Amino acid sequence: MRRQSTAKDDDAVSEILGVIMMLAMVVTIMGGVWVFLNPYLVAFNDNTNWNSASNIADRVEDRFDVVGDSPNGTGTRQALSLKSSSINPANLVEEWIIASDLTPNEVVNVIELNASSFEFLAFNETVTSISVHTSTEQTSFAVTSSYEWSTIDHDLDSESYLIIDFYNAAGEHVHRWSRFVLSGISISTAIDGGMNQIALINDARITKDPSTPWSIEEAPRLRLDTLVDGSTRLSLVLTDVRLAEALGNGPNVGFKVESVGPIQLFTG
């Protein structure tokens, strides 16, 4: 016996083919829309992540400014959402050497030989004692000035900073020499094509995209004041930030910012 096709069977087959063709058309259209929108979605995500990193930098920078001017031991706790970013230490990246004669009767030159020794020359040979300070230690030396360079070995750990004070026989502070090696933090955010980086170092902000070099967005705090007598005073704040360990990704990453106390090098 042979089955004969009917008009109803033909209609059923046509409906199935129509559904398949429509599904294929929908899939094709959706694929085309996705290909068309994908660059815009990537750009949107990159912009969202960049804004998030910039906001993190603003909040962290504000905490550094507040805590940095506070007494030793003063601190604050902060929680950040680091879903797309991480915070890493940027250690020992900037060095400052600042020195000044403090009286009109003596001129002192200092040359640091290495991390534990230096030599000095007092032009008028009035220096009789020297005090050396680091972040953790202090020591003093009785010296005899001469017309030649004198070498001092202090053997102190001076990785972060070193302050050397010179005094005459009357105990008068005649010269101060200082070296500071500053650290900061780097905020890294993954975006299309590489990493976006924001470095906060010495109260300055430096940024870098995958396709551009480092650029300075904010400079360190530098202030010029006009005094009562009409003279000009320059004020500069150095900020050193030591991050104990990297802060990884997470929706609620907490950390503590604590001050080790401000250091005033010169007054006036």
Protein backbone atom coordinates (compact mmCIF):
# COMPACT_ATOMS: atom_id res chain seq x y z
CA MET A 1 0.00 0.00 0.00
CA ARG A 2 1.41 3.44 -0.84
CA ARG A 3 0.58 6.56 1.13
CA GLN A 4 -0.60 9.45 -0.94
CA SER A 5 0.33 13.00 -0.01
CA THR A 6 -2.41 15.39 0.75
CA ALA A 7 -2.72 19.15 0.74
CA LYS A 8 -2.73 19.15 4.57
CA ASP A 9 0.68 17.41 4.67
CA ASP A 10 2.10 19.95 2.24
CA ASP A 11 0.88 22.76 4.48
CA ALA A 12 2.52 21.17 7.56
CA VAL A 13 5.91 20.87 5.87
CA SER A 14 5.73 24.47 4.70
CA GLU A 15 5.03 25.72 8.23
CA ILE A 16 8.08 23.87 9.63
CA LEU A 17 10.34 25.28 6.95
CA GLY A 18 8.98 28.74 7.58
CA VAL A 19 9.71 28.54 11.30
CA ILE A 20 13.25 27.32 10.62
CA MET A 21 13.87 30.12 8.15
CA MET A 22 12.53 32.70 10.56
CA LEU A 23 14.73 31.40 13.39
CA ALA A 24 17.72 31.50 11.09
CA MET A 25 16.87 35.07 10.16
CA VAL A 26 16.53 36.09 13.83
CA VAL A 27 19.87 34.49 14.71
CA THR A 28 21.51 36.22 11.76
CA ILE A 29 20.08 39.58 12.75
CA MET A 30 21.10 39.13 16.40
CA GLY A 31 24.63 38.16 15.35
CA GLY A 32 24.85 41.23 13.14
CA VAL A 33 23.59 43.49 15.93
CA TRP A 34 26.14 42.01 18.37
CA VAL A 35 29.02 42.50 15.92
CA PHE A 36 27.86 46.06 15.32
CA LEU A 37 27.42 46.94 18.99
CA ASN A 38 30.46 45.11 20.41
CA PRO A 39 32.94 48.01 19.94
CA TYR A 40 30.51 50.37 21.65
CA LEU A 41 30.00 47.95 24.54
CA VAL A 42 33.77 47.57 24.98
CA ALA A 43 34.19 51.35 24.94
CA PHE A 44 31.36 51.72 27.46
CA ASN A 45 32.96 49.17 29.83
CA ASP A 46 36.37 50.82 29.46
CA ASN A 47 34.90 54.22 30.25
CA THR A 48 33.07 52.81 33.28
CA ASN A 49 36.26 51.18 34.59
CA TRP A 50 38.28 54.34 33.95
CA ASN A 51 35.78 56.49 35.85
CA SER A 52 35.84 53.98 38.71
CA ALA A 53 39.66 54.11 38.88
CA SER A 54 39.63 57.91 38.78
CA ASN A 55 37.15 58.02 41.67
CA ILE A 56 39.31 55.59 43.65
CA ALA A 57 42.33 57.85 43.09
CA ASP A 58 40.34 60.89 44.30
CA ARG A 59 39.26 59.14 47.51
CA VAL A 60 42.71 57.74 48.29
CA GLU A 61 44.42 61.05 47.55
CA ASP A 62 42.04 62.85 49.89
CA ARG A 63 42.86 60.40 52.71
CA PHE A 64 46.58 60.89 52.14
CA ASP A 65 46.25 64.68 52.41
CA VAL A 66 44.21 64.54 55.63
CA VAL A 67 46.28 61.90 57.41
CA GLY A 68 49.63 63.24 56.18
CA ASP A 69 49.16 66.53 58.07
CA SER A 70 48.16 64.73 61.27
CA PRO A 71 50.31 63.75 64.30
CA ASN A 72 52.12 60.44 64.52
CA GLY A 73 49.76 57.49 64.97
CA THR A 74 46.69 59.29 63.60
CA GLY A 75 44.91 57.21 60.98
CA THR A 76 41.71 56.35 59.18
CA ARG A 77 40.17 53.22 57.74
CA GLN A 78 38.83 53.14 54.21
CA ALA A 79 36.87 50.62 52.13
CA LEU A 80 37.02 50.63 48.35
CA SER A 81 35.27 48.72 45.59
CA LEU A 82 38.08 47.26 43.47
CA LYS A 83 36.04 45.15 41.07
CA SER A 84 38.11 46.08 38.01
CA SER A 85 41.20 47.69 39.57
CA SER A 86 44.10 46.83 41.84
CA ILE A 87 46.36 49.04 43.97
CA ASN A 88 50.08 48.30 44.01
CA PRO A 89 53.07 49.93 45.73
CA ALA A 90 55.39 52.21 43.76
CA ASN A 91 58.47 52.17 45.97
CA LEU A 92 61.45 54.54 45.98
CA VAL A 93 60.61 56.30 42.72
CA GLU A 94 61.48 59.94 43.48
CA GLU A 95 64.50 61.44 45.25
CA TRP A 96 64.82 64.92 46.71
CA ILE A 97 67.95 66.54 48.16
CA ILE A 98 67.30 69.77 50.05
CA ALA A 99 69.99 71.75 51.89
CA SER A 100 70.44 75.22 53.31
CA ASP A 101 72.92 77.29 55.30
CA LEU A 102 71.10 78.66 58.36
CA THR A 103 73.51 81.46 59.37
CA PRO A 104 75.41 84.07 57.34
CA ASN A 105 78.72 83.10 58.94
CA GLU A 106 79.18 79.59 57.59
CA VAL A 107 78.85 77.76 54.28
CA VAL A 108 78.75 73.95 54.35
CA ASN A 109 78.89 71.61 51.37
CA VAL A 110 77.84 67.95 51.69
CA ILE A 111 78.39 65.03 49.32
CA GLU A 112 76.77 61.68 50.08
CA LEU A 113 79.22 58.91 49.24
CA ASN A 114 76.84 55.99 49.80
CA ALA A 115 73.87 55.02 51.99
CA SER A 116 75.99 55.01 55.17
CA SER A 117 78.65 57.71 54.72
CA PHE A 118 79.12 61.28 53.53
CA GLU A 119 81.77 63.96 53.41
CA PHE A 120 81.48 67.66 54.23
CA LEU A 121 83.45 70.86 53.92
CA ALA A 122 82.84 73.87 56.22
CA PHE A 123 84.36 76.92 54.52
CA ASN A 124 84.88 78.91 57.74
CA GLU A 125 85.76 75.80 59.78
CA THR A 126 83.23 76.53 62.54
CA VAL A 127 81.44 73.16 62.58
CA THR A 128 82.17 71.19 65.76
CA SER A 129 79.33 68.65 65.93
CA ILE A 130 77.05 66.79 63.55
CA SER A 131 73.72 65.06 64.19
CA VAL A 132 72.42 62.40 61.77
CA HIS A 133 68.73 61.36 61.70
CA THR A 134 66.96 58.58 59.83
CA SER A 135 63.40 57.27 60.05
CA THR A 136 64.34 54.98 62.95
CA GLU A 137 67.72 56.05 64.36
CA GLN A 138 69.78 59.05 65.41
CA THR A 139 73.47 59.53 66.18
CA SER A 140 75.89 62.41 66.80
CA PHE A 141 79.55 63.07 66.05
CA ALA A 142 82.11 65.53 67.44
CA VAL A 143 84.23 66.83 64.57
CA THR A 144 87.08 69.19 63.86
CA SER A 145 86.61 71.27 60.73
CA SER A 146 89.49 71.88 58.38
CA TYR A 147 90.08 73.29 54.93
CA GLU A 148 89.81 69.75 53.51
CA TRP A 149 86.84 67.45 53.07
CA SER A 150 86.02 65.30 56.11
CA THR A 151 84.35 61.88 55.87
CA ILE A 152 81.71 60.64 58.32
CA ASP A 153 80.57 57.00 58.51
CA HIS A 154 77.21 56.79 60.29
CA ASP A 155 76.19 53.20 59.33
CA LEU A 156 72.47 53.97 59.68
CA ASP A 157 69.65 52.65 57.55
CA SER A 158 68.77 55.66 55.42
CA GLU A 159 66.70 54.12 52.63
CA SER A 160 63.70 56.45 53.01
CA TYR A 161 65.29 59.63 54.35
CA LEU A 162 68.42 61.09 55.90
CA ILE A 163 68.76 64.44 57.72
CA ILE A 164 72.18 65.83 58.71
CA ASP A 165 72.46 68.85 61.03
CA PHE A 166 75.65 70.84 61.59
CA TYR A 167 76.36 72.93 64.73
CA ASN A 168 79.14 75.30 65.81
CA ALA A 169 80.87 75.49 69.20
CA ALA A 170 78.10 77.71 70.58
CA GLY A 171 75.49 75.09 69.69
CA GLU A 172 74.13 77.23 66.88
CA HIS A 173 72.47 75.36 64.03
CA VAL A 174 74.49 76.43 60.99
CA HIS A 175 73.45 74.01 58.23
CA ARG A 176 70.89 71.32 57.40
CA TRP A 177 71.20 68.75 54.61
CA SER A 178 68.45 66.24 53.80
CA ARG A 179 67.65 63.48 51.34
CA PHE A 180 64.20 61.98 50.88
CA VAL A 181 63.37 58.98 48.67
CA LEU A 182 59.62 59.00 48.12
CA SER A 183 57.21 56.17 47.40
CA GLY A 184 53.57 56.13 46.31
CA ILE A 185 50.90 53.88 44.87
CA SER A 186 49.79 52.79 41.41
CA ILE A 187 46.17 52.04 40.50
CA SER A 188 45.98 49.58 37.59
CA THR A 189 42.79 48.94 35.61
CA ALA A 190 42.41 46.47 32.74
CA ILE A 191 40.90 48.03 29.61
CA ASP A 192 40.75 47.04 25.96
CA GLY A 193 44.29 46.93 24.60
CA GLY A 194 46.18 46.87 27.89
CA MET A 195 46.29 48.57 31.29
CA ASN A 196 45.29 52.04 32.40
CA GLN A 197 47.54 53.24 35.22
CA ILE A 198 47.20 56.10 37.69
CA ALA A 199 50.24 56.78 39.87
CA LEU A 200 49.91 58.89 43.03
CA ILE A 201 53.41 59.99 44.00
CA ASN A 202 54.36 62.97 46.17
CA ASP A 203 50.86 64.45 45.97
CA ALA A 204 51.10 64.42 42.16
CA ARG A 205 48.97 62.38 39.77
CA ILE A 206 50.53 60.72 36.73
CA THR A 207 48.49 58.70 34.24
CA LYS A 208 49.20 56.33 31.37
CA ASP A 209 46.98 54.57 28.82
CA PRO A 210 48.07 51.57 26.73
CA SER A 211 48.64 53.77 23.68
CA THR A 212 50.04 56.92 25.34
CA PRO A 213 53.13 57.76 27.43
CA TRP A 214 53.06 58.89 31.06
CA SER A 215 51.60 62.37 31.53
CA ILE A 216 51.34 64.62 34.61
CA GLU A 217 47.75 65.53 35.45
CA GLU A 218 48.44 67.18 38.82
CA ALA A 219 51.77 68.58 40.05
CA PRO A 220 53.03 68.43 43.68
CA ARG A 221 51.86 71.06 46.13
CA LEU A 222 53.98 74.18 45.60
CA ARG A 223 53.04 77.52 47.12
CA LEU A 224 54.46 81.04 46.84
CA ASP A 225 53.60 83.49 49.64
CA THR A 226 54.36 87.20 49.83
CA LEU A 227 55.49 88.13 53.35
CA VAL A 228 54.89 91.37 55.25
CA ASP A 229 58.28 92.79 54.27
CA GLY A 230 57.54 92.15 50.58
CA SER A 231 59.82 89.14 50.24
CA THR A 232 58.66 85.86 48.73
CA ARG A 233 58.54 82.51 50.51
CA LEU A 234 58.43 79.18 48.70
CA SER A 235 56.66 76.30 50.44
CA LEU A 236 56.88 72.72 49.22
CA VAL A 237 55.23 69.65 50.73
CA LEU A 238 56.81 66.22 50.16
CA THR A 239 54.51 63.22 50.63
CA ASP A 240 55.87 59.70 51.16
CA VAL A 241 53.38 56.80 51.07
CA ARG A 242 54.42 53.24 51.91
CA LEU A 243 51.96 50.51 50.98
CA ALA A 244 52.59 47.33 52.97
CA GLU A 245 51.15 45.03 50.29
CA ALA A 246 49.14 45.16 47.09
CA LEU A 247 45.35 45.48 47.34
CA GLY A 248 43.68 42.98 45.00
CA ASN A 249 40.25 42.91 43.42
CA GLY A 250 37.12 42.74 45.52
CA PRO A 251 33.78 44.46 46.06
CA ASN A 252 34.74 45.81 49.49
CA VAL A 253 38.52 45.98 50.08
CA GLY A 254 39.48 47.68 53.34
CA PHE A 255 42.79 49.30 54.25
CA LYS A 256 44.17 51.66 56.87
CA VAL A 257 46.08 54.92 56.30
CA GLU A 258 48.26 55.92 59.28
CA SER A 259 50.52 58.94 59.73
CA VAL A 260 54.08 58.66 61.02
CA GLY A 261 54.08 62.40 61.76
CA PRO A 262 55.00 65.40 59.63
CA ILE A 263 58.60 66.64 59.43
CA GLN A 264 59.27 70.37 59.17
CA LEU A 265 62.68 70.90 57.61
CA PHE A 266 62.83 74.69 57.72
CA THR A 267 60.82 77.53 59.23
CA GLY A 268 60.49 81.14 58.22
